[in-house]
Amino acid sequence: MAGESGQIQPRTDTQETAMLTILIAAGEKAIEAFHASANPVDADFLMDLERVVERSRKELMALTQNSSTSS
């Protein structure tokens, strides 16, 4: 995100938490839709998406644990 000086500002924990939460929710809904649809789904793609969601959950847990211990 560019600040007034045109330099990229570092993300805050709040922004990172929000991004991870959105990523997890979007991934979960996509997985749910793939399972519910009658259309064939690429199994490798679905496994990749599930790994992304799981990794994002772990990152979110680590971020929230770090935030609570540093307060």
PDB file of N, CA and C in Angstrom:
ATOM      1  N   MET A   1       0.837  -1.160   0.000  1.00  0.00           N
ATOM      2  CA  MET A   1       0.000   0.000   0.000  1.00  0.00           C
ATOM      3  C   MET A   1       0.890   1.233   0.000  1.00  0.00           C
ATOM      4  N   ALA A   2       0.657   2.126  -0.919  1.00  0.00           N
ATOM      5  CA  ALA A   2       1.509   3.302  -1.047  1.00  0.00           C
ATOM      6  C   ALA A   2       1.036   4.399  -0.098  1.00  0.00           C
ATOM      7  N   GLY A   3       1.981   4.986   0.592  1.00  0.00           N
ATOM      8  CA  GLY A   3       1.667   6.091   1.481  1.00  0.00           C
ATOM      9  C   GLY A   3       1.744   7.400   0.725  1.00  0.00           C
ATOM     10  N   GLU A   4       1.646   8.521   1.441  1.00  0.00           N
ATOM     11  CA  GLU A   4       1.693   9.833   0.811  1.00  0.00           C
ATOM     12  C   GLU A   4       3.025  10.084   0.122  1.00  0.00           C
ATOM     13  N   SER A   5       4.097   9.515   0.644  1.00  0.00           N
ATOM     14  CA  SER A   5       5.417   9.738   0.055  1.00  0.00           C
ATOM     15  C   SER A   5       5.657   8.845  -1.152  1.00  0.00           C
ATOM     16  N   GLY A   6       4.705   7.972  -1.471  1.00  0.00           N
ATOM     17  CA  GLY A   6       4.854   7.069  -2.595  1.00  0.00           C
ATOM     18  C   GLY A   6       5.578   5.785  -2.230  1.00  0.00           C
ATOM     19  N   GLN A   7       6.031   5.680  -0.983  1.00  0.00           N
ATOM     20  CA  GLN A   7       6.715   4.473  -0.547  1.00  0.00           C
ATOM     21  C   GLN A   7       5.698   3.452  -0.055  1.00  0.00           C
ATOM     22  N   ILE A   8       6.026   2.196  -0.222  1.00  0.00           N
ATOM     23  CA  ILE A   8       5.149   1.130   0.244  1.00  0.00           C
ATOM     24  C   ILE A   8       5.266   1.027   1.756  1.00  0.00           C
ATOM     25  N   GLN A   9       4.112   1.055   2.410  1.00  0.00           N
ATOM     26  CA  GLN A   9       4.065   0.961   3.866  1.00  0.00           C
ATOM     27  C   GLN A   9       3.973  -0.508   4.266  1.00  0.00           C
ATOM     28  N   PRO A  10       4.622  -0.909   5.338  1.00  0.00           N
ATOM     29  CA  PRO A  10       4.517  -2.307   5.794  1.00  0.00           C
ATOM     30  C   PRO A  10       3.097  -2.607   6.257  1.00  0.00           C
ATOM     31  N   ARG A  11       2.698  -3.852   6.079  1.00  0.00           N
ATOM     32  CA  ARG A  11       1.367  -4.270   6.528  1.00  0.00           C
ATOM     33  C   ARG A  11       1.355  -4.366   8.044  1.00  0.00           C
ATOM     34  N   THR A  12       0.202  -4.089   8.597  1.00  0.00           N
ATOM     35  CA  THR A  12       0.021  -4.251  10.038  1.00  0.00           C
ATOM     36  C   THR A  12      -0.508  -5.654  10.311  1.00  0.00           C
ATOM     37  N   ASP A  13      -0.449  -6.072  11.557  1.00  0.00           N
ATOM     38  CA  ASP A  13      -1.008  -7.369  11.945  1.00  0.00           C
ATOM     39  C   ASP A  13      -2.502  -7.420  11.649  1.00  0.00           C
ATOM     40  N   THR A  14      -3.175  -6.294  11.843  1.00  0.00           N
ATOM     41  CA  THR A  14      -4.611  -6.245  11.570  1.00  0.00           C
ATOM     42  C   THR A  14      -4.890  -6.485  10.097  1.00  0.00           C
ATOM     43  N   GLN A  15      -4.115  -5.868   9.225  1.00  0.00           N
ATOM     44  CA  GLN A  15      -4.294  -6.066   7.789  1.00  0.00           C
ATOM     45  C   GLN A  15      -3.984  -7.506   7.397  1.00  0.00           C
ATOM     46  N   GLU A  16      -2.920  -8.043   7.953  1.00  0.00           N
ATOM     47  CA  GLU A  16      -2.538  -9.411   7.633  1.00  0.00           C
ATOM     48  C   GLU A  16      -3.591 -10.402   8.129  1.00  0.00           C
ATOM     49  N   THR A  17      -4.121 -10.161   9.315  1.00  0.00           N
ATOM     50  CA  THR A  17      -5.184 -11.005   9.854  1.00  0.00           C
ATOM     51  C   THR A  17      -6.415 -10.953   8.952  1.00  0.00           C
ATOM     52  N   ALA A  18      -6.774  -9.765   8.506  1.00  0.00           N
ATOM     53  CA  ALA A  18      -7.939  -9.609   7.631  1.00  0.00           C
ATOM     54  C   ALA A  18      -7.714 -10.330   6.299  1.00  0.00           C
ATOM     55  N   MET A  19      -6.535 -10.193   5.720  1.00  0.00           N
ATOM     56  CA  MET A  19      -6.248 -10.852   4.439  1.00  0.00           C
ATOM     57  C   MET A  19      -6.302 -12.369   4.574  1.00  0.00           C
ATOM     58  N   LEU A  20      -5.719 -12.900   5.641  1.00  0.00           N
ATOM     59  CA  LEU A  20      -5.749 -14.347   5.849  1.00  0.00           C
ATOM     60  C   LEU A  20      -7.171 -14.850   6.080  1.00  0.00           C
ATOM     61  N   THR A  21      -7.963 -14.090   6.833  1.00  0.00           N
ATOM     62  CA  THR A  21      -9.343 -14.471   7.097  1.00  0.00           C
ATOM     63  C   THR A  21     -10.149 -14.516   5.800  1.00  0.00           C
ATOM     64  N   ILE A  22      -9.963 -13.528   4.951  1.00  0.00           N
ATOM     65  CA  ILE A  22     -10.654 -13.494   3.658  1.00  0.00           C
ATOM     66  C   ILE A  22     -10.201 -14.650   2.780  1.00  0.00           C
ATOM     67  N   LEU A  23      -8.904 -14.912   2.749  1.00  0.00           N
ATOM     68  CA  LEU A  23      -8.372 -16.015   1.944  1.00  0.00           C
ATOM     69  C   LEU A  23      -8.943 -17.357   2.402  1.00  0.00           C
ATOM     70  N   ILE A  24      -8.988 -17.565   3.701  1.00  0.00           N
ATOM     71  CA  ILE A  24      -9.531 -18.816   4.253  1.00  0.00           C
ATOM     72  C   ILE A  24     -11.010 -18.955   3.885  1.00  0.00           C
ATOM     73  N   ALA A  25     -11.777 -17.908   4.098  1.00  0.00           N
ATOM     74  CA  ALA A  25     -13.218 -17.965   3.809  1.00  0.00           C
ATOM     75  C   ALA A  25     -13.467 -18.211   2.320  1.00  0.00           C
ATOM     76  N   ALA A  26     -12.744 -17.517   1.460  1.00  0.00           N
ATOM     77  CA  ALA A  26     -12.929 -17.700   0.014  1.00  0.00           C
ATOM     78  C   ALA A  26     -12.535 -19.110  -0.409  1.00  0.00           C
ATOM     79  N   GLY A  27     -11.448 -19.601   0.144  1.00  0.00           N
ATOM     80  CA  GLY A  27     -11.004 -20.955  -0.174  1.00  0.00           C
ATOM     81  C   GLY A  27     -12.001 -22.006   0.289  1.00  0.00           C
ATOM     82  N   GLU A  28     -12.518 -21.837   1.503  1.00  0.00           N
ATOM     83  CA  GLU A  28     -13.500 -22.788   2.033  1.00  0.00           C
ATOM     84  C   GLU A  28     -14.768 -22.802   1.190  1.00  0.00           C
ATOM     85  N   LYS A  29     -15.236 -21.622   0.790  1.00  0.00           N
ATOM     86  CA  LYS A  29     -16.440 -21.539  -0.043  1.00  0.00           C
ATOM     87  C   LYS A  29     -16.192 -22.163  -1.418  1.00  0.00           C
ATOM     88  N   ALA A  30     -15.013 -21.952  -1.983  1.00  0.00           N
ATOM     89  CA  ALA A  30     -14.689 -22.549  -3.277  1.00  0.00           C
ATOM     90  C   ALA A  30     -14.661 -24.070  -3.174  1.00  0.00           C
ATOM     91  N   ILE A  31     -14.043 -24.587  -2.129  1.00  0.00           N
ATOM     92  CA  ILE A  31     -13.996 -26.042  -1.916  1.00  0.00           C
ATOM     93  C   ILE A  31     -15.409 -26.592  -1.767  1.00  0.00           C
ATOM     94  N   GLU A  32     -16.215 -25.905  -0.970  1.00  0.00           N
ATOM     95  CA  GLU A  32     -17.609 -26.318  -0.767  1.00  0.00           C
ATOM     96  C   GLU A  32     -18.374 -26.330  -2.101  1.00  0.00           C
ATOM     97  N   ALA A  33     -18.178 -25.313  -2.911  1.00  0.00           N
ATOM     98  CA  ALA A  33     -18.861 -25.231  -4.201  1.00  0.00           C
ATOM     99  C   ALA A  33     -18.394 -26.340  -5.144  1.00  0.00           C
ATOM    100  N   PHE A  34     -17.101 -26.624  -5.131  1.00  0.00           N
ATOM    101  CA  PHE A  34     -16.584 -27.693  -5.989  1.00  0.00           C
ATOM    102  C   PHE A  34     -17.187 -29.038  -5.603  1.00  0.00           C
ATOM    103  N   HIS A  35     -17.289 -29.287  -4.299  1.00  0.00           N
ATOM    104  CA  HIS A  35     -17.860 -30.549  -3.836  1.00  0.00           C
ATOM    105  C   HIS A  35     -19.354 -30.642  -4.150  1.00  0.00           C
ATOM    106  N   ALA A  36     -20.054 -29.526  -4.093  1.00  0.00           N
ATOM    107  CA  ALA A  36     -21.499 -29.514  -4.318  1.00  0.00           C
ATOM    108  C   ALA A  36     -21.884 -29.564  -5.797  1.00  0.00           C
ATOM    109  N   SER A  37     -20.975 -29.149  -6.661  1.00  0.00           N
ATOM    110  CA  SER A  37     -21.315 -29.082  -8.087  1.00  0.00           C
ATOM    111  C   SER A  37     -21.257 -30.460  -8.726  1.00  0.00           C
ATOM    112  N   ALA A  38     -21.982 -30.578  -9.809  1.00  0.00           N
ATOM    113  CA  ALA A  38     -21.978 -31.830 -10.578  1.00  0.00           C
ATOM    114  C   ALA A  38     -20.837 -31.836 -11.593  1.00  0.00           C
ATOM    115  N   ASN A  39     -20.121 -30.736 -11.679  1.00  0.00           N
ATOM    116  CA  ASN A  39     -19.019 -30.636 -12.636  1.00  0.00           C
ATOM    117  C   ASN A  39     -17.779 -31.342 -12.097  1.00  0.00           C
ATOM    118  N   PRO A  40     -17.062 -32.010 -12.972  1.00  0.00           N
ATOM    119  CA  PRO A  40     -15.819 -32.643 -12.508  1.00  0.00           C
ATOM    120  C   PRO A  40     -14.802 -31.574 -12.097  1.00  0.00           C
ATOM    121  N   VAL A  41     -14.084 -31.868 -11.051  1.00  0.00           N
ATOM    122  CA  VAL A  41     -13.094 -30.934 -10.528  1.00  0.00           C
ATOM    123  C   VAL A  41     -11.722 -31.579 -10.649  1.00  0.00           C
ATOM    124  N   ASP A  42     -10.753 -30.782 -11.027  1.00  0.00           N
ATOM    125  CA  ASP A  42      -9.379 -31.255 -11.086  1.00  0.00           C
ATOM    126  C   ASP A  42      -8.931 -31.588  -9.661  1.00  0.00           C
ATOM    127  N   ALA A  43      -8.666 -32.851  -9.416  1.00  0.00           N
ATOM    128  CA  ALA A  43      -8.306 -33.307  -8.063  1.00  0.00           C
ATOM    129  C   ALA A  43      -7.046 -32.624  -7.550  1.00  0.00           C
ATOM    130  N   ASP A  44      -6.062 -32.411  -8.424  1.00  0.00           N
ATOM    131  CA  ASP A  44      -4.828 -31.735  -7.999  1.00  0.00           C
ATOM    132  C   ASP A  44      -5.104 -30.292  -7.583  1.00  0.00           C
ATOM    133  N   PHE A  45      -5.951 -29.617  -8.352  1.00  0.00           N
ATOM    134  CA  PHE A  45      -6.303 -28.236  -8.015  1.00  0.00           C
ATOM    135  C   PHE A  45      -6.996 -28.184  -6.656  1.00  0.00           C
ATOM    136  N   LEU A  46      -7.931 -29.094  -6.436  1.00  0.00           N
ATOM    137  CA  LEU A  46      -8.655 -29.129  -5.170  1.00  0.00           C
ATOM    138  C   LEU A  46      -7.710 -29.398  -3.998  1.00  0.00           C
ATOM    139  N   MET A  47      -6.767 -30.304  -4.180  1.00  0.00           N
ATOM    140  CA  MET A  47      -5.780 -30.586  -3.125  1.00  0.00           C
ATOM    141  C   MET A  47      -4.913 -29.359  -2.856  1.00  0.00           C
ATOM    142  N   ASP A  48      -4.517 -28.663  -3.916  1.00  0.00           N
ATOM    143  CA  ASP A  48      -3.726 -27.438  -3.749  1.00  0.00           C
ATOM    144  C   ASP A  48      -4.513 -26.389  -2.978  1.00  0.00           C
ATOM    145  N   LEU A  49      -5.775 -26.227  -3.335  1.00  0.00           N
ATOM    146  CA  LEU A  49      -6.622 -25.250  -2.655  1.00  0.00           C
ATOM    147  C   LEU A  49      -6.790 -25.609  -1.180  1.00  0.00           C
ATOM    148  N   GLU A  50      -6.983 -26.879  -0.890  1.00  0.00           N
ATOM    149  CA  GLU A  50      -7.098 -27.310   0.509  1.00  0.00           C
ATOM    150  C   GLU A  50      -5.798 -27.057   1.267  1.00  0.00           C
ATOM    151  N   ARG A  51      -4.658 -27.248   0.630  1.00  0.00           N
ATOM    152  CA  ARG A  51      -3.362 -26.962   1.278  1.00  0.00           C
ATOM    153  C   ARG A  51      -3.202 -25.469   1.544  1.00  0.00           C
ATOM    154  N   VAL A  52      -3.642 -24.633   0.605  1.00  0.00           N
ATOM    155  CA  VAL A  52      -3.562 -23.184   0.798  1.00  0.00           C
ATOM    156  C   VAL A  52      -4.413 -22.769   1.997  1.00  0.00           C
ATOM    157  N   VAL A  53      -5.616 -23.312   2.084  1.00  0.00           N
ATOM    158  CA  VAL A  53      -6.497 -22.978   3.206  1.00  0.00           C
ATOM    159  C   VAL A  53      -5.874 -23.435   4.520  1.00  0.00           C
ATOM    160  N   GLU A  54      -5.351 -24.645   4.552  1.00  0.00           N
ATOM    161  CA  GLU A  54      -4.743 -25.161   5.782  1.00  0.00           C
ATOM    162  C   GLU A  54      -3.515 -24.339   6.185  1.00  0.00           C
ATOM    163  N   ARG A  55      -2.673 -24.016   5.226  1.00  0.00           N
ATOM    164  CA  ARG A  55      -1.488 -23.203   5.522  1.00  0.00           C
ATOM    165  C   ARG A  55      -1.895 -21.819   6.019  1.00  0.00           C
ATOM    166  N   SER A  56      -2.938 -21.248   5.414  1.00  0.00           N
ATOM    167  CA  SER A  56      -3.416 -19.932   5.841  1.00  0.00           C
ATOM    168  C   SER A  56      -3.961 -19.982   7.262  1.00  0.00           C
ATOM    169  N   ARG A  57      -4.660 -21.070   7.603  1.00  0.00           N
ATOM    170  CA  ARG A  57      -5.146 -21.235   8.982  1.00  0.00           C
ATOM    171  C   ARG A  57      -3.983 -21.250   9.967  1.00  0.00           C
ATOM    172  N   LYS A  58      -2.931 -22.004   9.627  1.00  0.00           N
ATOM    173  CA  LYS A  58      -1.756 -22.084  10.509  1.00  0.00           C
ATOM    174  C   LYS A  58      -1.091 -20.722  10.652  1.00  0.00           C
ATOM    175  N   GLU A  59      -0.975 -19.993   9.549  1.00  0.00           N
ATOM    176  CA  GLU A  59      -0.368 -18.657   9.606  1.00  0.00           C
ATOM    177  C   GLU A  59      -1.216 -17.708  10.451  1.00  0.00           C
ATOM    178  N   LEU A  60      -2.532 -17.807  10.318  1.00  0.00           N
ATOM    179  CA  LEU A  60      -3.426 -16.955  11.102  1.00  0.00           C
ATOM    180  C   LEU A  60      -3.306 -17.282  12.590  1.00  0.00           C
ATOM    181  N   MET A  61      -3.257 -18.578  12.919  1.00  0.00           N
ATOM    182  CA  MET A  61      -3.098 -18.965  14.332  1.00  0.00           C
ATOM    183  C   MET A  61      -1.773 -18.450  14.880  1.00  0.00           C
ATOM    184  N   ALA A  62      -0.695 -18.594  14.114  1.00  0.00           N
ATOM    185  CA  ALA A  62       0.612 -18.113  14.570  1.00  0.00           C
ATOM    186  C   ALA A  62       0.604 -16.597  14.744  1.00  0.00           C
ATOM    187  N   LEU A  63      -0.024 -15.903  13.813  1.00  0.00           N
ATOM    188  CA  LEU A  63      -0.085 -14.443  13.889  1.00  0.00           C
ATOM    189  C   LEU A  63      -0.874 -13.995  15.112  1.00  0.00           C
ATOM    190  N   THR A  64      -2.010 -14.634  15.359  1.00  0.00           N
ATOM    191  CA  THR A  64      -2.812 -14.235  16.521  1.00  0.00           C
ATOM    192  C   THR A  64      -2.121 -14.606  17.827  1.00  0.00           C
ATOM    193  N   GLN A  65      -1.380 -15.722  17.846  1.00  0.00           N
ATOM    194  CA  GLN A  65      -0.641 -16.098  19.055  1.00  0.00           C
ATOM    195  C   GLN A  65       0.495 -15.106  19.305  1.00  0.00           C
ATOM    196  N   ASN A  66       1.197 -14.718  18.243  1.00  0.00           N
ATOM    197  CA  ASN A  66       2.285 -13.732  18.381  1.00  0.00           C
ATOM    198  C   ASN A  66       1.747 -12.395  18.830  1.00  0.00           C
ATOM    199  N   SER A  67       0.595 -11.998  18.319  1.00  0.00           N
ATOM    200  CA  SER A  67      -0.004 -10.720  18.695  1.00  0.00           C
ATOM    201  C   SER A  67      -0.433 -10.721  20.155  1.00  0.00           C
ATOM    202  N   SER A  68      -0.969 -11.860  20.619  1.00  0.00           N
ATOM    203  CA  SER A  68      -1.436 -11.913  22.007  1.00  0.00           C
ATOM    204  C   SER A  68      -0.277 -12.008  22.994  1.00  0.00           C
ATOM    205  N   THR A  69       0.832 -12.617  22.596  1.00  0.00           N
ATOM    206  CA  THR A  69       1.976 -12.715  23.501  1.00  0.00           C
ATOM    207  C   THR A  69       2.781 -11.429  23.547  1.00  0.00           C
ATOM    208  N   SER A  70       2.722 -10.629  22.477  1.00  0.00           N
ATOM    209  CA  SER A  70       3.482  -9.382  22.457  1.00  0.00           C
ATOM    210  C   SER A  70       2.711  -8.230  23.075  1.00  0.00           C
ATOM    211  N   SER A  71       1.435  -8.451  23.436  1.00  0.00           N
ATOM    212  CA  SER A  71       0.627  -7.383  24.053  1.00  0.00           C
ATOM    213  C   SER A  71       0.879  -7.305  25.527  1.00  0.00           C
TER     214      SER A  71
END
